[in-house]
Amino acid sequence: MADYYSYLWSTTWPSLIVLFLIFAMVLSRLVWKLVNTWRNARDVWGFLLLTMKVSIWIGVLGVYTELFLFSQPDWFDKPGIIQGSVQGKAFDSGSSSYSVDIRSGAQQMQFYVDFFVYEKVKVDDQVELMYLPTRREVIRCELLGSLL
């Protein structure tokens, strides 16, 4: 599990830091407005205005959080683990991505790997992969055996 979240952190840290900064800025501003309203405008209209501002900012935070979860859905999924044999390897020059096809029982799936994994595995090797369930990027590849 640590491999999974460290990989996610390494690929999404700029987005997460910006999201945390937005949260910190908005929440500190809301606390400041609450303190000022409590000190200066202790009437119904002051608290009504504060309630409207809080609801607007909660909506803004919700939109930013939803955008992050839409672009990075793997944060709330469990890592996928599959054992099987390598059925094929491919390089897509258009997107510069490496992929391997893994057969596990009757199921065959395609996963995206880095160059080192692509070079390490051969067709008909038995492997165990830990991967991101949505993006199908391999986090860890363990070579279990080879038929050659």
C-alpha atoms as a PDB file:
ATOM      1  CA  MET A   1       0.000   0.000   0.000  1.00  0.00           C
ATOM      2  CA  ALA A   2       2.865   2.366   0.712  1.00  0.00           C
ATOM      3  CA  ASP A   3       4.104   1.878  -2.866  1.00  0.00           C
ATOM      4  CA  TYR A   4       0.664   2.801  -4.152  1.00  0.00           C
ATOM      5  CA  TYR A   5       0.309   6.069  -2.246  1.00  0.00           C
ATOM      6  CA  SER A   6       3.930   7.122  -2.707  1.00  0.00           C
ATOM      7  CA  TYR A   7       3.493   6.663  -6.467  1.00  0.00           C
ATOM      8  CA  LEU A   8       0.255   8.667  -6.414  1.00  0.00           C
ATOM      9  CA  TRP A   9       1.946  11.393  -4.378  1.00  0.00           C
ATOM     10  CA  SER A  10       4.898  11.517  -6.786  1.00  0.00           C
ATOM     11  CA  THR A  11       2.597  11.968  -9.789  1.00  0.00           C
ATOM     12  CA  THR A  12       0.046  14.358  -8.277  1.00  0.00           C
ATOM     13  CA  TRP A  13       1.904  16.432  -5.671  1.00  0.00           C
ATOM     14  CA  PRO A  14       1.530  19.758  -7.530  1.00  0.00           C
ATOM     15  CA  SER A  15      -2.251  19.342  -7.719  1.00  0.00           C
ATOM     16  CA  LEU A  16      -2.486  18.306  -4.081  1.00  0.00           C
ATOM     17  CA  ILE A  17      -0.365  21.199  -2.840  1.00  0.00           C
ATOM     18  CA  VAL A  18      -2.474  23.705  -4.789  1.00  0.00           C
ATOM     19  CA  LEU A  19      -5.646  22.108  -3.418  1.00  0.00           C
ATOM     20  CA  PHE A  20      -4.312  22.292   0.166  1.00  0.00           C
ATOM     21  CA  LEU A  21      -3.267  25.934  -0.349  1.00  0.00           C
ATOM     22  CA  ILE A  22      -6.736  26.812  -1.630  1.00  0.00           C
ATOM     23  CA  PHE A  23      -8.310  25.080   1.375  1.00  0.00           C
ATOM     24  CA  ALA A  24      -5.951  26.835   3.804  1.00  0.00           C
ATOM     25  CA  MET A  25      -6.546  30.237   2.242  1.00  0.00           C
ATOM     26  CA  VAL A  26     -10.326  29.903   2.152  1.00  0.00           C
ATOM     27  CA  LEU A  27     -10.606  28.465   5.654  1.00  0.00           C
ATOM     28  CA  SER A  28      -8.309  31.120   7.163  1.00  0.00           C
ATOM     29  CA  ARG A  29     -10.327  33.838   5.405  1.00  0.00           C
ATOM     30  CA  LEU A  30     -13.583  32.367   6.737  1.00  0.00           C
ATOM     31  CA  VAL A  31     -12.203  32.230  10.272  1.00  0.00           C
ATOM     32  CA  TRP A  32     -11.100  35.858   9.923  1.00  0.00           C
ATOM     33  CA  LYS A  33     -14.603  36.847   8.721  1.00  0.00           C
ATOM     34  CA  LEU A  34     -16.198  34.936  11.610  1.00  0.00           C
ATOM     35  CA  VAL A  35     -14.009  36.745  14.137  1.00  0.00           C
ATOM     36  CA  ASN A  36     -14.734  40.150  12.577  1.00  0.00           C
ATOM     37  CA  THR A  37     -18.471  39.448  12.429  1.00  0.00           C
ATOM     38  CA  TRP A  38     -18.467  38.338  16.055  1.00  0.00           C
ATOM     39  CA  ARG A  39     -16.593  41.490  17.153  1.00  0.00           C
ATOM     40  CA  ASN A  40     -18.226  44.135  14.967  1.00  0.00           C
ATOM     41  CA  ALA A  41     -21.563  43.008  13.552  1.00  0.00           C
ATOM     42  CA  ARG A  42     -23.393  41.073  16.229  1.00  0.00           C
ATOM     43  CA  ASP A  43     -26.743  41.339  14.590  1.00  0.00           C
ATOM     44  CA  VAL A  44     -28.877  39.017  12.490  1.00  0.00           C
ATOM     45  CA  TRP A  45     -27.833  40.612   9.183  1.00  0.00           C
ATOM     46  CA  GLY A  46     -24.136  40.203   9.924  1.00  0.00           C
ATOM     47  CA  PHE A  47     -24.516  36.510  10.670  1.00  0.00           C
ATOM     48  CA  LEU A  48     -26.863  36.034   7.707  1.00  0.00           C
ATOM     49  CA  LEU A  49     -24.287  37.607   5.396  1.00  0.00           C
ATOM     50  CA  LEU A  50     -21.577  35.439   6.949  1.00  0.00           C
ATOM     51  CA  THR A  51     -23.712  32.319   6.428  1.00  0.00           C
ATOM     52  CA  MET A  52     -24.170  33.186   2.749  1.00  0.00           C
ATOM     53  CA  LYS A  53     -20.423  33.749   2.311  1.00  0.00           C
ATOM     54  CA  VAL A  54     -19.634  30.453   4.040  1.00  0.00           C
ATOM     55  CA  SER A  55     -22.047  28.549   1.796  1.00  0.00           C
ATOM     56  CA  ILE A  56     -20.547  30.143  -1.348  1.00  0.00           C
ATOM     57  CA  TRP A  57     -16.996  29.281  -0.272  1.00  0.00           C
ATOM     58  CA  ILE A  58     -17.987  25.733   0.648  1.00  0.00           C
ATOM     59  CA  GLY A  59     -19.367  25.424  -2.885  1.00  0.00           C
ATOM     60  CA  VAL A  60     -16.080  26.725  -4.309  1.00  0.00           C
ATOM     61  CA  LEU A  61     -14.081  24.238  -2.220  1.00  0.00           C
ATOM     62  CA  GLY A  62     -16.413  21.467  -3.322  1.00  0.00           C
ATOM     63  CA  VAL A  63     -15.854  22.349  -6.981  1.00  0.00           C
ATOM     64  CA  TYR A  64     -12.058  22.350  -6.582  1.00  0.00           C
ATOM     65  CA  THR A  65     -12.172  19.037  -4.722  1.00  0.00           C
ATOM     66  CA  GLU A  66     -14.433  17.508  -7.360  1.00  0.00           C
ATOM     67  CA  LEU A  67     -12.096  18.697 -10.136  1.00  0.00           C
ATOM     68  CA  PHE A  68      -9.166  17.058  -8.357  1.00  0.00           C
ATOM     69  CA  LEU A  69     -11.053  13.797  -7.869  1.00  0.00           C
ATOM     70  CA  PHE A  70     -12.173  13.866 -11.511  1.00  0.00           C
ATOM     71  CA  SER A  71      -8.590  14.234 -12.733  1.00  0.00           C
ATOM     72  CA  GLN A  72      -7.074  11.847 -10.142  1.00  0.00           C
ATOM     73  CA  PRO A  73      -9.702   9.189  -9.309  1.00  0.00           C
ATOM     74  CA  ASP A  74      -7.185   6.594  -8.121  1.00  0.00           C
ATOM     75  CA  TRP A  75      -6.719   8.291  -4.729  1.00  0.00           C
ATOM     76  CA  PHE A  76      -9.831   6.627  -3.316  1.00  0.00           C
ATOM     77  CA  ASP A  77      -9.482   3.251  -5.052  1.00  0.00           C
ATOM     78  CA  LYS A  78      -7.630   0.226  -3.796  1.00  0.00           C
ATOM     79  CA  PRO A  79      -4.610  -0.763  -5.862  1.00  0.00           C
ATOM     80  CA  GLY A  80      -5.229  -3.486  -8.396  1.00  0.00           C
ATOM     81  CA  ILE A  81      -3.135  -6.640  -8.207  1.00  0.00           C
ATOM     82  CA  ILE A  82      -3.022  -9.196 -10.990  1.00  0.00           C
ATOM     83  CA  GLN A  83      -0.964 -12.318 -11.590  1.00  0.00           C
ATOM     84  CA  GLY A  84      -0.663 -13.673 -15.063  1.00  0.00           C
ATOM     85  CA  SER A  85       1.462 -14.189 -18.120  1.00  0.00           C
ATOM     86  CA  VAL A  86       2.701 -11.543 -20.519  1.00  0.00           C
ATOM     87  CA  GLN A  87       0.901 -12.013 -23.833  1.00  0.00           C
ATOM     88  CA  GLY A  88       2.371  -9.084 -25.713  1.00  0.00           C
ATOM     89  CA  LYS A  89       4.333  -5.864 -25.534  1.00  0.00           C
ATOM     90  CA  ALA A  90       3.837  -2.671 -27.519  1.00  0.00           C
ATOM     91  CA  PHE A  91       5.281   0.819 -27.892  1.00  0.00           C
ATOM     92  CA  ASP A  92       3.031   3.629 -29.076  1.00  0.00           C
ATOM     93  CA  SER A  93       5.238   6.217 -30.743  1.00  0.00           C
ATOM     94  CA  GLY A  94       2.444   8.778 -30.901  1.00  0.00           C
ATOM     95  CA  SER A  95       2.042   9.009 -27.129  1.00  0.00           C
ATOM     96  CA  SER A  96       5.498   7.581 -26.273  1.00  0.00           C
ATOM     97  CA  SER A  97       3.955   4.994 -23.974  1.00  0.00           C
ATOM     98  CA  TYR A  98       4.899   1.390 -23.331  1.00  0.00           C
ATOM     99  CA  SER A  99       2.257  -1.233 -22.673  1.00  0.00           C
ATOM    100  CA  VAL A 100       2.049  -4.919 -21.869  1.00  0.00           C
ATOM    101  CA  ASP A 101      -0.873  -7.309 -22.244  1.00  0.00           C
ATOM    102  CA  ILE A 102      -1.404  -9.646 -19.291  1.00  0.00           C
ATOM    103  CA  ARG A 103      -3.600 -12.742 -19.318  1.00  0.00           C
ATOM    104  CA  SER A 104      -4.928 -13.973 -16.000  1.00  0.00           C
ATOM    105  CA  GLY A 105      -7.259 -16.907 -16.511  1.00  0.00           C
ATOM    106  CA  ALA A 106      -9.784 -15.922 -19.170  1.00  0.00           C
ATOM    107  CA  GLN A 107      -9.196 -12.226 -18.609  1.00  0.00           C
ATOM    108  CA  GLN A 108      -6.705 -10.226 -20.694  1.00  0.00           C
ATOM    109  CA  MET A 109      -5.864  -6.630 -19.767  1.00  0.00           C
ATOM    110  CA  GLN A 110      -3.501  -3.966 -21.051  1.00  0.00           C
ATOM    111  CA  PHE A 111      -1.282  -2.008 -18.660  1.00  0.00           C
ATOM    112  CA  TYR A 112       1.019   0.965 -19.121  1.00  0.00           C
ATOM    113  CA  VAL A 113       4.580   0.500 -17.904  1.00  0.00           C
ATOM    114  CA  ASP A 114       7.813   2.449 -17.913  1.00  0.00           C
ATOM    115  CA  PHE A 115      10.779   1.688 -20.131  1.00  0.00           C
ATOM    116  CA  PHE A 116      12.624  -0.421 -17.546  1.00  0.00           C
ATOM    117  CA  VAL A 117       9.696  -2.779 -16.948  1.00  0.00           C
ATOM    118  CA  TYR A 118       9.095  -2.941 -20.696  1.00  0.00           C
ATOM    119  CA  GLU A 119      12.686  -4.066 -21.242  1.00  0.00           C
ATOM    120  CA  LYS A 120      12.701  -6.468 -18.277  1.00  0.00           C
ATOM    121  CA  VAL A 121       9.647  -8.584 -19.127  1.00  0.00           C
ATOM    122  CA  LYS A 122       9.460 -10.952 -22.054  1.00  0.00           C
ATOM    123  CA  VAL A 123       6.459 -12.574 -23.710  1.00  0.00           C
ATOM    124  CA  ASP A 124       5.245 -15.621 -21.699  1.00  0.00           C
ATOM    125  CA  ASP A 125       6.869 -14.410 -18.438  1.00  0.00           C
ATOM    126  CA  GLN A 126       4.784 -14.912 -15.310  1.00  0.00           C
ATOM    127  CA  VAL A 127       4.382 -11.585 -13.486  1.00  0.00           C
ATOM    128  CA  GLU A 128       2.530 -10.005 -10.595  1.00  0.00           C
ATOM    129  CA  LEU A 129       1.561  -6.372 -11.117  1.00  0.00           C
ATOM    130  CA  MET A 130       0.310  -3.714  -8.740  1.00  0.00           C
ATOM    131  CA  TYR A 131      -1.418  -0.995 -10.752  1.00  0.00           C
ATOM    132  CA  LEU A 132      -3.639   2.071 -10.598  1.00  0.00           C
ATOM    133  CA  PRO A 133      -7.156   0.765 -11.273  1.00  0.00           C
ATOM    134  CA  THR A 134      -8.369   3.716 -13.353  1.00  0.00           C
ATOM    135  CA  ARG A 135      -5.286   4.725 -15.324  1.00  0.00           C
ATOM    136  CA  ARG A 136      -3.883   1.176 -15.525  1.00  0.00           C
ATOM    137  CA  GLU A 137      -0.345   2.406 -14.801  1.00  0.00           C
ATOM    138  CA  VAL A 138       1.893  -0.230 -13.247  1.00  0.00           C
ATOM    139  CA  ILE A 139       3.377   0.718  -9.893  1.00  0.00           C
ATOM    140  CA  ARG A 140       5.243  -2.490  -9.144  1.00  0.00           C
ATOM    141  CA  CYS A 141       6.110  -5.427 -11.371  1.00  0.00           C
ATOM    142  CA  GLU A 142       7.427  -8.638  -9.873  1.00  0.00           C
ATOM    143  CA  LEU A 143       8.758 -11.299 -12.210  1.00  0.00           C
ATOM    144  CA  LEU A 144       7.527 -14.686 -10.931  1.00  0.00           C
ATOM    145  CA  GLY A 145       8.993 -16.924 -13.589  1.00  0.00           C
ATOM    146  CA  SER A 146       9.922 -17.321 -17.180  1.00  0.00           C
ATOM    147  CA  LEU A 147       9.155 -20.066 -19.656  1.00  0.00           C
ATOM    148  CA  LEU A 148      12.392 -19.421 -21.546  1.00  0.00           C
END
